[in-house]
């Protein structure tokens, strides 16, 4: 619902978030710090300082939403099978899908690719994995980084076992 609302009225969404950011800049520093520590769970002082700086920066708020909108608009509605076939001629592809409420790299997207792979529309060297406990923004959740790193390491090891990698300098 939130993404649809933002996509349908981006100027309004940016205005609202920038206004909230300006308001947050007027709130005493200690109150924002206490909120970040006790409600948002940001325990380290330097992390709270960084978060407070971002929360109170209206340009960051605008850029955050505009980048998200740009990403949403750039994501194709259909699988680019031709591009995947070209890539598949040169190297394997590994895709990690997120669980939970993620709508960016969700399981249904993986299922679409699995069907395309079964139908021969995309190469057989496309490998996908679904991680139920992983969210799209995993990098900001330290407990989730390990599973993403393991996926990358396993993918690289598997790729090295089947492919000769040469640097092109």
N, C-alpha and C. Protein backbone atom coordinates (compact mmCIF):
# COMPACT_ATOMS: atom_id res chain seq x y z
N UNK A 1 0.83 -1.19 0.00
CA UNK A 1 0.00 0.00 0.00
C UNK A 1 0.88 1.26 0.00
N UNK A 2 1.91 1.27 0.84
CA UNK A 2 2.78 2.44 0.93
C UNK A 2 3.48 2.69 -0.39
N UNK A 3 4.05 1.62 -1.00
CA UNK A 3 4.76 1.80 -2.26
C UNK A 3 3.83 2.29 -3.36
N UNK A 4 2.61 1.77 -3.39
CA UNK A 4 1.64 2.20 -4.40
C UNK A 4 1.30 3.67 -4.21
N UNK A 5 1.11 4.08 -2.97
CA UNK A 5 0.79 5.48 -2.68
C UNK A 5 1.93 6.39 -3.11
N UNK A 6 3.15 6.01 -2.78
CA UNK A 6 4.31 6.81 -3.15
C UNK A 6 4.45 6.88 -4.68
N UNK A 7 4.25 5.74 -5.34
CA UNK A 7 4.39 5.69 -6.80
C UNK A 7 3.32 6.55 -7.49
N UNK A 8 2.12 6.60 -6.92
CA UNK A 8 1.03 7.35 -7.52
C UNK A 8 1.11 8.85 -7.24
N UNK A 9 1.77 9.22 -6.15
CA UNK A 9 1.87 10.64 -5.79
C UNK A 9 3.27 10.95 -5.26
N UNK A 10 4.28 10.82 -6.11
CA UNK A 10 5.66 10.99 -5.61
C UNK A 10 5.95 12.37 -5.06
N UNK A 11 5.41 13.42 -5.69
CA UNK A 11 5.69 14.77 -5.20
C UNK A 11 5.13 14.96 -3.79
N UNK A 12 3.93 14.43 -3.57
CA UNK A 12 3.32 14.52 -2.24
C UNK A 12 4.13 13.72 -1.22
N UNK A 13 4.54 12.53 -1.60
CA UNK A 13 5.32 11.70 -0.69
C UNK A 13 6.64 12.37 -0.32
N UNK A 14 7.31 12.96 -1.30
CA UNK A 14 8.56 13.66 -1.04
C UNK A 14 8.31 14.85 -0.12
N UNK A 15 7.25 15.60 -0.39
CA UNK A 15 6.93 16.77 0.44
C UNK A 15 6.68 16.33 1.88
N UNK A 16 5.91 15.25 2.07
CA UNK A 16 5.60 14.78 3.43
C UNK A 16 6.86 14.33 4.15
N UNK A 17 7.71 13.54 3.47
CA UNK A 17 8.92 13.05 4.12
C UNK A 17 9.90 14.20 4.42
N UNK A 18 10.00 15.16 3.51
CA UNK A 18 10.88 16.31 3.75
C UNK A 18 10.35 17.14 4.93
N UNK A 19 9.03 17.30 5.01
CA UNK A 19 8.44 18.05 6.13
C UNK A 19 8.71 17.34 7.44
N UNK A 20 8.56 16.03 7.46
CA UNK A 20 8.86 15.25 8.67
C UNK A 20 10.33 15.41 9.06
N UNK A 21 11.20 15.42 8.06
CA UNK A 21 12.62 15.58 8.30
C UNK A 21 12.93 16.95 8.89
N UNK A 22 12.29 17.99 8.35
CA UNK A 22 12.47 19.34 8.89
C UNK A 22 11.97 19.43 10.33
N UNK A 23 10.83 18.77 10.58
CA UNK A 23 10.30 18.76 11.94
C UNK A 23 11.27 18.03 12.88
N UNK A 24 11.81 16.90 12.44
CA UNK A 24 12.76 16.15 13.27
C UNK A 24 13.98 16.99 13.62
N UNK A 25 14.38 17.88 12.72
CA UNK A 25 15.53 18.75 12.98
C UNK A 25 15.24 19.75 14.09
N UNK A 26 13.95 20.04 14.33
CA UNK A 26 13.57 20.99 15.39
C UNK A 26 13.44 20.32 16.75
N UNK A 27 13.33 19.00 16.76
CA UNK A 27 13.19 18.25 18.02
C UNK A 27 14.55 18.24 18.71
N UNK A 28 14.56 18.47 20.03
CA UNK A 28 15.85 18.46 20.74
C UNK A 28 16.62 17.16 20.49
N UNK A 29 17.91 17.32 20.32
CA UNK A 29 18.81 16.21 19.99
C UNK A 29 18.65 15.02 20.95
N UNK A 30 18.53 15.31 22.24
CA UNK A 30 18.44 14.25 23.25
C UNK A 30 17.17 13.42 23.07
N UNK A 31 16.08 14.02 22.64
CA UNK A 31 14.82 13.29 22.44
C UNK A 31 14.96 12.35 21.24
N UNK A 32 15.53 12.85 20.16
CA UNK A 32 15.74 12.01 18.98
C UNK A 32 16.67 10.86 19.34
N UNK A 33 17.73 11.17 20.08
CA UNK A 33 18.69 10.15 20.48
C UNK A 33 18.03 9.07 21.35
N UNK A 34 17.20 9.49 22.29
CA UNK A 34 16.49 8.55 23.15
C UNK A 34 15.53 7.69 22.33
N UNK A 35 14.83 8.28 21.39
CA UNK A 35 13.92 7.53 20.52
C UNK A 35 14.71 6.48 19.72
N UNK A 36 15.81 6.90 19.13
CA UNK A 36 16.60 5.98 18.33
C UNK A 36 17.14 4.82 19.16
N UNK A 37 17.55 5.10 20.39
CA UNK A 37 18.10 4.07 21.25
C UNK A 37 17.01 3.13 21.77
N UNK A 38 15.91 3.70 22.29
CA UNK A 38 14.92 2.89 22.98
C UNK A 38 13.82 2.31 22.08
N UNK A 39 13.45 3.02 21.04
CA UNK A 39 12.36 2.56 20.16
C UNK A 39 12.92 1.88 18.91
N UNK A 40 13.88 2.54 18.27
CA UNK A 40 14.43 1.99 17.03
C UNK A 40 15.52 0.94 17.29
N UNK A 41 16.00 0.87 18.52
CA UNK A 41 16.99 -0.15 18.86
C UNK A 41 18.40 0.13 18.34
N UNK A 42 18.74 1.39 18.13
CA UNK A 42 20.08 1.75 17.65
C UNK A 42 20.94 1.95 18.89
N UNK A 43 21.75 0.96 19.21
CA UNK A 43 22.45 0.97 20.49
C UNK A 43 23.75 1.78 20.52
N UNK A 44 24.48 1.81 19.43
CA UNK A 44 25.77 2.51 19.44
C UNK A 44 25.61 4.01 19.22
N UNK A 45 26.34 4.79 20.00
CA UNK A 45 26.25 6.25 19.92
C UNK A 45 26.54 6.77 18.52
N UNK A 46 27.61 6.25 17.89
CA UNK A 46 27.96 6.75 16.55
C UNK A 46 26.89 6.37 15.52
N UNK A 47 26.22 5.23 15.71
CA UNK A 47 25.14 4.86 14.80
C UNK A 47 23.94 5.79 14.97
N UNK A 48 23.65 6.16 16.22
CA UNK A 48 22.55 7.10 16.47
C UNK A 48 22.86 8.47 15.90
N UNK A 49 24.11 8.89 16.00
CA UNK A 49 24.51 10.19 15.42
C UNK A 49 24.32 10.18 13.91
N UNK A 50 24.72 9.10 13.27
CA UNK A 50 24.54 8.98 11.83
C UNK A 50 23.05 8.98 11.48
N UNK A 51 22.26 8.17 12.20
CA UNK A 51 20.82 8.10 11.93
C UNK A 51 20.15 9.45 12.15
N UNK A 52 20.52 10.15 13.22
CA UNK A 52 19.94 11.46 13.51
C UNK A 52 20.28 12.44 12.39
N UNK A 53 21.51 12.39 11.91
CA UNK A 53 21.91 13.27 10.80
C UNK A 53 21.10 13.01 9.55
N UNK A 54 20.80 11.75 9.26
CA UNK A 54 20.00 11.40 8.09
C UNK A 54 18.54 11.77 8.28
N UNK A 55 18.02 11.48 9.45
CA UNK A 55 16.61 11.78 9.73
C UNK A 55 16.33 13.28 9.61
N UNK A 56 17.28 14.08 10.03
CA UNK A 56 17.09 15.54 10.07
C UNK A 56 17.57 16.22 8.79
N UNK A 57 17.78 15.48 7.73
CA UNK A 57 18.29 16.04 6.48
C UNK A 57 17.21 15.92 5.40
N UNK A 58 16.49 17.01 5.09
CA UNK A 58 15.42 16.94 4.10
C UNK A 58 15.89 16.52 2.70
N UNK A 59 17.13 16.85 2.34
CA UNK A 59 17.64 16.42 1.03
C UNK A 59 17.82 14.91 0.99
N UNK A 60 18.26 14.33 2.10
CA UNK A 60 18.38 12.87 2.17
C UNK A 60 17.00 12.24 2.00
N UNK A 61 16.00 12.80 2.65
CA UNK A 61 14.64 12.27 2.54
C UNK A 61 14.17 12.29 1.08
N UNK A 62 14.40 13.39 0.40
CA UNK A 62 14.02 13.50 -1.01
C UNK A 62 14.77 12.49 -1.85
N UNK A 63 16.09 12.44 -1.68
CA UNK A 63 16.91 11.52 -2.47
C UNK A 63 16.53 10.06 -2.21
N UNK A 64 16.22 9.73 -0.97
CA UNK A 64 15.82 8.38 -0.60
C UNK A 64 14.59 7.94 -1.39
N UNK A 65 13.57 8.79 -1.38
CA UNK A 65 12.34 8.44 -2.11
C UNK A 65 12.54 8.47 -3.62
N UNK A 66 13.27 9.43 -4.12
CA UNK A 66 13.46 9.52 -5.57
C UNK A 66 14.26 8.33 -6.10
N UNK A 67 15.26 7.88 -5.34
CA UNK A 67 16.02 6.71 -5.75
C UNK A 67 15.12 5.48 -5.77
N UNK A 68 14.31 5.33 -4.74
CA UNK A 68 13.37 4.20 -4.71
C UNK A 68 12.41 4.23 -5.88
N UNK A 69 11.88 5.40 -6.20
CA UNK A 69 10.97 5.52 -7.34
C UNK A 69 11.67 5.17 -8.64
N UNK A 70 12.91 5.64 -8.78
CA UNK A 70 13.67 5.34 -10.00
C UNK A 70 13.90 3.84 -10.13
N UNK A 71 14.24 3.18 -9.03
CA UNK A 71 14.44 1.74 -9.06
C UNK A 71 13.16 1.01 -9.44
N UNK A 72 12.05 1.44 -8.88
CA UNK A 72 10.77 0.79 -9.18
C UNK A 72 10.42 0.96 -10.65
N UNK A 73 10.65 2.14 -11.19
CA UNK A 73 10.33 2.38 -12.60
C UNK A 73 11.25 1.60 -13.53
N UNK A 74 12.50 1.37 -13.11
CA UNK A 74 13.47 0.68 -13.96
C UNK A 74 13.33 -0.84 -13.94
N UNK A 75 12.66 -1.38 -12.95
CA UNK A 75 12.51 -2.83 -12.89
C UNK A 75 11.53 -3.27 -13.95
N UNK A 76 11.96 -4.16 -14.82
CA UNK A 76 11.06 -4.59 -15.89
C UNK A 76 9.90 -5.43 -15.36
N UNK A 77 8.79 -5.35 -16.05
CA UNK A 77 7.61 -6.14 -15.68
C UNK A 77 7.74 -7.58 -16.15
N UNK A 78 8.62 -7.80 -17.13
CA UNK A 78 8.79 -9.14 -17.69
C UNK A 78 10.27 -9.52 -17.61
N UNK A 79 10.54 -10.79 -17.69
CA UNK A 79 11.91 -11.30 -17.66
C UNK A 79 12.60 -10.92 -18.97
N UNK A 80 13.79 -10.39 -18.86
CA UNK A 80 14.59 -10.06 -20.05
C UNK A 80 15.36 -11.32 -20.44
N UNK A 81 14.65 -12.25 -21.07
CA UNK A 81 15.22 -13.56 -21.41
C UNK A 81 16.40 -13.40 -22.37
N UNK A 82 16.31 -12.47 -23.31
CA UNK A 82 17.40 -12.29 -24.28
C UNK A 82 18.70 -11.91 -23.56
N UNK A 83 18.61 -10.98 -22.62
CA UNK A 83 19.80 -10.57 -21.87
C UNK A 83 20.34 -11.73 -21.04
N UNK A 84 19.45 -12.51 -20.45
CA UNK A 84 19.89 -13.64 -19.64
C UNK A 84 20.56 -14.71 -20.51
N UNK A 85 20.10 -14.88 -21.75
CA UNK A 85 20.75 -15.84 -22.65
C UNK A 85 22.15 -15.37 -23.04
N UNK A 86 22.29 -14.07 -23.29
CA UNK A 86 23.62 -13.53 -23.64
C UNK A 86 24.57 -13.72 -22.47
N UNK A 87 24.14 -13.36 -21.27
CA UNK A 87 24.98 -13.53 -20.09
C UNK A 87 25.30 -15.01 -19.89
N UNK A 88 24.31 -15.87 -20.08
CA UNK A 88 24.48 -17.30 -19.88
C UNK A 88 25.49 -17.93 -20.81
N UNK A 89 25.77 -17.29 -21.94
CA UNK A 89 26.79 -17.81 -22.85
C UNK A 89 28.19 -17.61 -22.30
N UNK A 90 28.34 -16.69 -21.35
CA UNK A 90 29.67 -16.33 -20.84
C UNK A 90 29.91 -16.76 -19.40
N UNK A 91 28.86 -16.87 -18.63
CA UNK A 91 29.04 -17.22 -17.22
C UNK A 91 27.72 -17.64 -16.60
N UNK A 92 27.79 -18.36 -15.48
CA UNK A 92 26.55 -18.70 -14.78
C UNK A 92 25.99 -17.48 -14.04
N UNK A 93 24.71 -17.54 -13.71
CA UNK A 93 24.05 -16.46 -12.98
C UNK A 93 23.48 -17.04 -11.69
N UNK A 94 23.71 -16.35 -10.57
CA UNK A 94 23.20 -16.77 -9.27
C UNK A 94 22.35 -15.64 -8.71
N UNK A 95 21.13 -15.98 -8.31
CA UNK A 95 20.20 -14.97 -7.82
C UNK A 95 19.67 -15.39 -6.46
N UNK A 96 19.76 -14.50 -5.48
CA UNK A 96 19.29 -14.77 -4.13
C UNK A 96 17.99 -14.01 -3.91
N UNK A 97 16.94 -14.72 -3.54
CA UNK A 97 15.63 -14.12 -3.32
C UNK A 97 15.32 -14.04 -1.84
N UNK A 98 14.60 -12.98 -1.49
CA UNK A 98 14.32 -12.66 -0.10
C UNK A 98 12.95 -13.17 0.32
N UNK A 99 12.84 -13.53 1.58
CA UNK A 99 11.58 -14.02 2.13
C UNK A 99 10.77 -12.92 2.77
N UNK A 100 9.88 -13.34 3.62
CA UNK A 100 9.05 -12.41 4.36
C UNK A 100 8.16 -11.57 3.47
N UNK A 101 8.03 -10.31 3.82
CA UNK A 101 7.14 -9.41 3.10
C UNK A 101 7.83 -8.68 1.96
N UNK A 102 9.05 -9.10 1.61
CA UNK A 102 9.79 -8.41 0.57
C UNK A 102 9.05 -8.48 -0.75
N UNK A 103 8.94 -7.35 -1.43
CA UNK A 103 8.26 -7.31 -2.72
C UNK A 103 9.24 -6.96 -3.84
N UNK A 104 10.51 -6.85 -3.49
CA UNK A 104 11.50 -6.46 -4.48
C UNK A 104 12.11 -7.68 -5.14
N UNK A 105 12.53 -8.63 -4.35
CA UNK A 105 13.14 -9.86 -4.87
C UNK A 105 12.41 -11.02 -4.19
N UNK A 106 11.13 -11.12 -4.43
CA UNK A 106 10.30 -12.08 -3.70
C UNK A 106 10.24 -13.44 -4.40
N UNK A 107 9.69 -14.39 -3.68
CA UNK A 107 9.64 -15.77 -4.16
C UNK A 107 8.87 -15.91 -5.46
N UNK A 108 7.83 -15.11 -5.67
CA UNK A 108 7.06 -15.23 -6.92
C UNK A 108 7.91 -14.87 -8.13
N UNK A 109 8.86 -13.94 -7.98
CA UNK A 109 9.78 -13.61 -9.07
C UNK A 109 10.67 -14.81 -9.38
N UNK A 110 11.10 -15.47 -8.33
CA UNK A 110 11.94 -16.65 -8.52
C UNK A 110 11.15 -17.75 -9.23
N UNK A 111 9.90 -17.92 -8.86
CA UNK A 111 9.07 -18.93 -9.49
C UNK A 111 8.87 -18.62 -10.98
N UNK A 112 8.72 -17.35 -11.32
CA UNK A 112 8.62 -16.96 -12.74
C UNK A 112 9.88 -17.37 -13.50
N UNK A 113 11.03 -17.12 -12.89
CA UNK A 113 12.29 -17.49 -13.55
C UNK A 113 12.46 -19.00 -13.64
N UNK A 114 12.02 -19.71 -12.60
CA UNK A 114 12.10 -21.19 -12.65
C UNK A 114 11.26 -21.73 -13.81
N UNK A 115 10.06 -21.15 -14.00
CA UNK A 115 9.21 -21.58 -15.13
C UNK A 115 9.89 -21.27 -16.46
N UNK A 116 10.48 -20.08 -16.57
CA UNK A 116 11.18 -19.70 -17.80
C UNK A 116 12.36 -20.64 -18.05
N UNK A 117 13.04 -21.04 -17.00
CA UNK A 117 14.17 -21.96 -17.13
C UNK A 117 13.68 -23.34 -17.59
N UNK A 118 12.60 -23.81 -16.99
CA UNK A 118 12.01 -25.10 -17.37
C UNK A 118 11.55 -25.09 -18.83
N UNK A 119 11.00 -23.96 -19.27
CA UNK A 119 10.51 -23.83 -20.65
C UNK A 119 11.62 -23.54 -21.66
N UNK A 120 12.86 -23.42 -21.18
CA UNK A 120 13.99 -23.16 -22.07
C UNK A 120 14.11 -21.72 -22.53
N UNK A 121 13.41 -20.81 -21.88
CA UNK A 121 13.46 -19.40 -22.25
C UNK A 121 14.72 -18.72 -21.74
N UNK A 122 15.25 -19.21 -20.62
CA UNK A 122 16.50 -18.69 -20.06
C UNK A 122 17.45 -19.86 -19.89
N UNK A 123 18.76 -19.58 -19.79
CA UNK A 123 19.75 -20.66 -19.73
C UNK A 123 19.60 -21.56 -18.50
N UNK A 124 20.10 -22.76 -18.64
CA UNK A 124 20.09 -23.73 -17.53
C UNK A 124 21.10 -23.35 -16.45
N UNK A 125 22.06 -22.47 -16.78
CA UNK A 125 23.07 -22.11 -15.79
C UNK A 125 22.64 -20.92 -14.92
N UNK A 126 21.35 -20.67 -14.84
CA UNK A 126 20.80 -19.69 -13.90
C UNK A 126 20.38 -20.46 -12.65
N UNK A 127 20.98 -20.11 -11.52
CA UNK A 127 20.70 -20.79 -10.26
C UNK A 127 20.06 -19.79 -9.31
N UNK A 128 18.98 -20.21 -8.68
CA UNK A 128 18.26 -19.33 -7.75
C UNK A 128 18.12 -19.99 -6.40
N UNK A 129 18.10 -19.16 -5.37
CA UNK A 129 17.90 -19.65 -4.02
C UNK A 129 16.97 -18.68 -3.29
N UNK A 130 16.08 -19.23 -2.50
CA UNK A 130 15.13 -18.45 -1.70
C UNK A 130 15.52 -18.56 -0.24
N UNK A 131 15.71 -17.44 0.42
CA UNK A 131 16.04 -17.39 1.86
C UNK A 131 14.86 -16.78 2.60
N UNK A 132 14.12 -17.59 3.31
CA UNK A 132 12.91 -17.12 3.98
C UNK A 132 13.19 -16.03 5.01
N UNK A 133 14.33 -16.12 5.69
CA UNK A 133 14.64 -15.16 6.76
C UNK A 133 15.38 -13.92 6.30
N UNK A 134 15.61 -13.80 5.00
CA UNK A 134 16.38 -12.67 4.47
C UNK A 134 15.45 -11.59 3.94
N UNK A 135 15.75 -10.33 4.27
CA UNK A 135 14.98 -9.22 3.72
C UNK A 135 15.86 -8.47 2.72
N UNK A 136 15.23 -7.72 1.83
CA UNK A 136 15.94 -7.03 0.76
C UNK A 136 17.05 -6.12 1.30
N UNK A 137 16.80 -5.44 2.37
CA UNK A 137 17.79 -4.54 2.95
C UNK A 137 18.68 -5.26 3.96
N UNK A 138 19.05 -6.52 3.67
CA UNK A 138 19.77 -7.36 4.63
C UNK A 138 21.05 -6.71 5.14
N UNK A 139 21.66 -5.86 4.37
CA UNK A 139 22.95 -5.30 4.75
C UNK A 139 22.86 -4.46 6.02
N UNK A 140 21.68 -3.97 6.35
CA UNK A 140 21.54 -3.17 7.57
C UNK A 140 21.14 -4.02 8.77
N UNK A 141 21.02 -5.33 8.57
CA UNK A 141 20.69 -6.25 9.66
C UNK A 141 21.86 -7.22 9.83
N UNK A 142 22.74 -6.96 10.78
CA UNK A 142 23.95 -7.79 10.93
C UNK A 142 23.66 -9.29 11.00
N UNK A 143 22.55 -9.69 11.59
CA UNK A 143 22.25 -11.12 11.71
C UNK A 143 21.92 -11.76 10.37
N UNK A 144 21.67 -10.97 9.33
CA UNK A 144 21.33 -11.51 8.01
C UNK A 144 22.50 -11.53 7.04
N UNK A 145 23.55 -10.82 7.36
CA UNK A 145 24.67 -10.71 6.43
C UNK A 145 25.33 -12.06 6.18
N UNK A 146 25.42 -12.87 7.20
CA UNK A 146 26.08 -14.17 7.07
C UNK A 146 25.47 -15.05 5.99
N UNK A 147 24.14 -15.14 5.94
CA UNK A 147 23.53 -16.01 4.94
C UNK A 147 23.75 -15.47 3.53
N UNK A 148 23.78 -14.17 3.36
CA UNK A 148 24.06 -13.60 2.03
C UNK A 148 25.51 -13.87 1.63
N UNK A 149 26.43 -13.74 2.57
CA UNK A 149 27.83 -14.02 2.28
C UNK A 149 28.03 -15.49 1.94
N UNK A 150 27.37 -16.38 2.68
CA UNK A 150 27.47 -17.82 2.38
C UNK A 150 26.96 -18.12 0.98
N UNK A 151 25.86 -17.49 0.57
CA UNK A 151 25.33 -17.69 -0.77
C UNK A 151 26.36 -17.27 -1.82
N UNK A 152 26.96 -16.10 -1.62
CA UNK A 152 27.95 -15.60 -2.58
C UNK A 152 29.15 -16.54 -2.63
N UNK A 153 29.66 -16.95 -1.47
CA UNK A 153 30.84 -17.84 -1.44
C UNK A 153 30.54 -19.17 -2.12
N UNK A 154 29.38 -19.77 -1.83
CA UNK A 154 29.00 -21.03 -2.47
C UNK A 154 28.86 -20.84 -3.97
N UNK A 155 28.28 -19.73 -4.40
CA UNK A 155 28.09 -19.47 -5.82
C UNK A 155 29.42 -19.31 -6.54
N UNK A 156 30.35 -18.58 -5.92
CA UNK A 156 31.67 -18.39 -6.52
C UNK A 156 32.41 -19.72 -6.58
N UNK A 157 32.35 -20.49 -5.51
CA UNK A 157 33.02 -21.79 -5.50
C UNK A 157 32.45 -22.70 -6.58
N UNK A 158 31.13 -22.73 -6.70
CA UNK A 158 30.49 -23.55 -7.73
C UNK A 158 30.86 -23.06 -9.12
N UNK A 159 30.89 -21.77 -9.30
CA UNK A 159 31.25 -21.19 -10.60
C UNK A 159 32.69 -21.51 -10.95
N UNK A 160 33.59 -21.42 -9.99
CA UNK A 160 35.00 -21.71 -10.23
C UNK A 160 35.21 -23.17 -10.58
N UNK A 161 34.36 -24.04 -10.07
CA UNK A 161 34.50 -25.47 -10.35
C UNK A 161 34.09 -25.80 -11.78
N UNK A 162 33.26 -24.95 -12.38
CA UNK A 162 32.74 -25.26 -13.72
C UNK A 162 33.20 -24.28 -14.78
N UNK A 163 33.83 -23.20 -14.37
CA UNK A 163 34.17 -22.14 -15.33
C UNK A 163 35.61 -21.67 -15.10
N UNK A 164 36.32 -21.44 -16.16
CA UNK A 164 37.65 -20.83 -16.03
C UNK A 164 37.45 -19.32 -16.08
N UNK A 165 37.92 -18.66 -15.05
CA UNK A 165 37.76 -17.21 -14.98
C UNK A 165 39.10 -16.58 -15.37
N UNK A 166 39.05 -15.67 -16.34
CA UNK A 166 40.25 -14.97 -16.80
C UNK A 166 40.01 -13.47 -16.67
N UNK A 167 41.00 -12.79 -16.18
CA UNK A 167 40.90 -11.34 -16.09
C UNK A 167 41.14 -10.73 -17.47
N UNK A 168 40.39 -9.72 -17.79
CA UNK A 168 40.59 -8.99 -19.04
C UNK A 168 41.07 -7.60 -18.68
N UNK A 169 42.35 -7.39 -18.78
CA UNK A 169 42.93 -6.09 -18.42
C UNK A 169 43.33 -5.33 -19.65
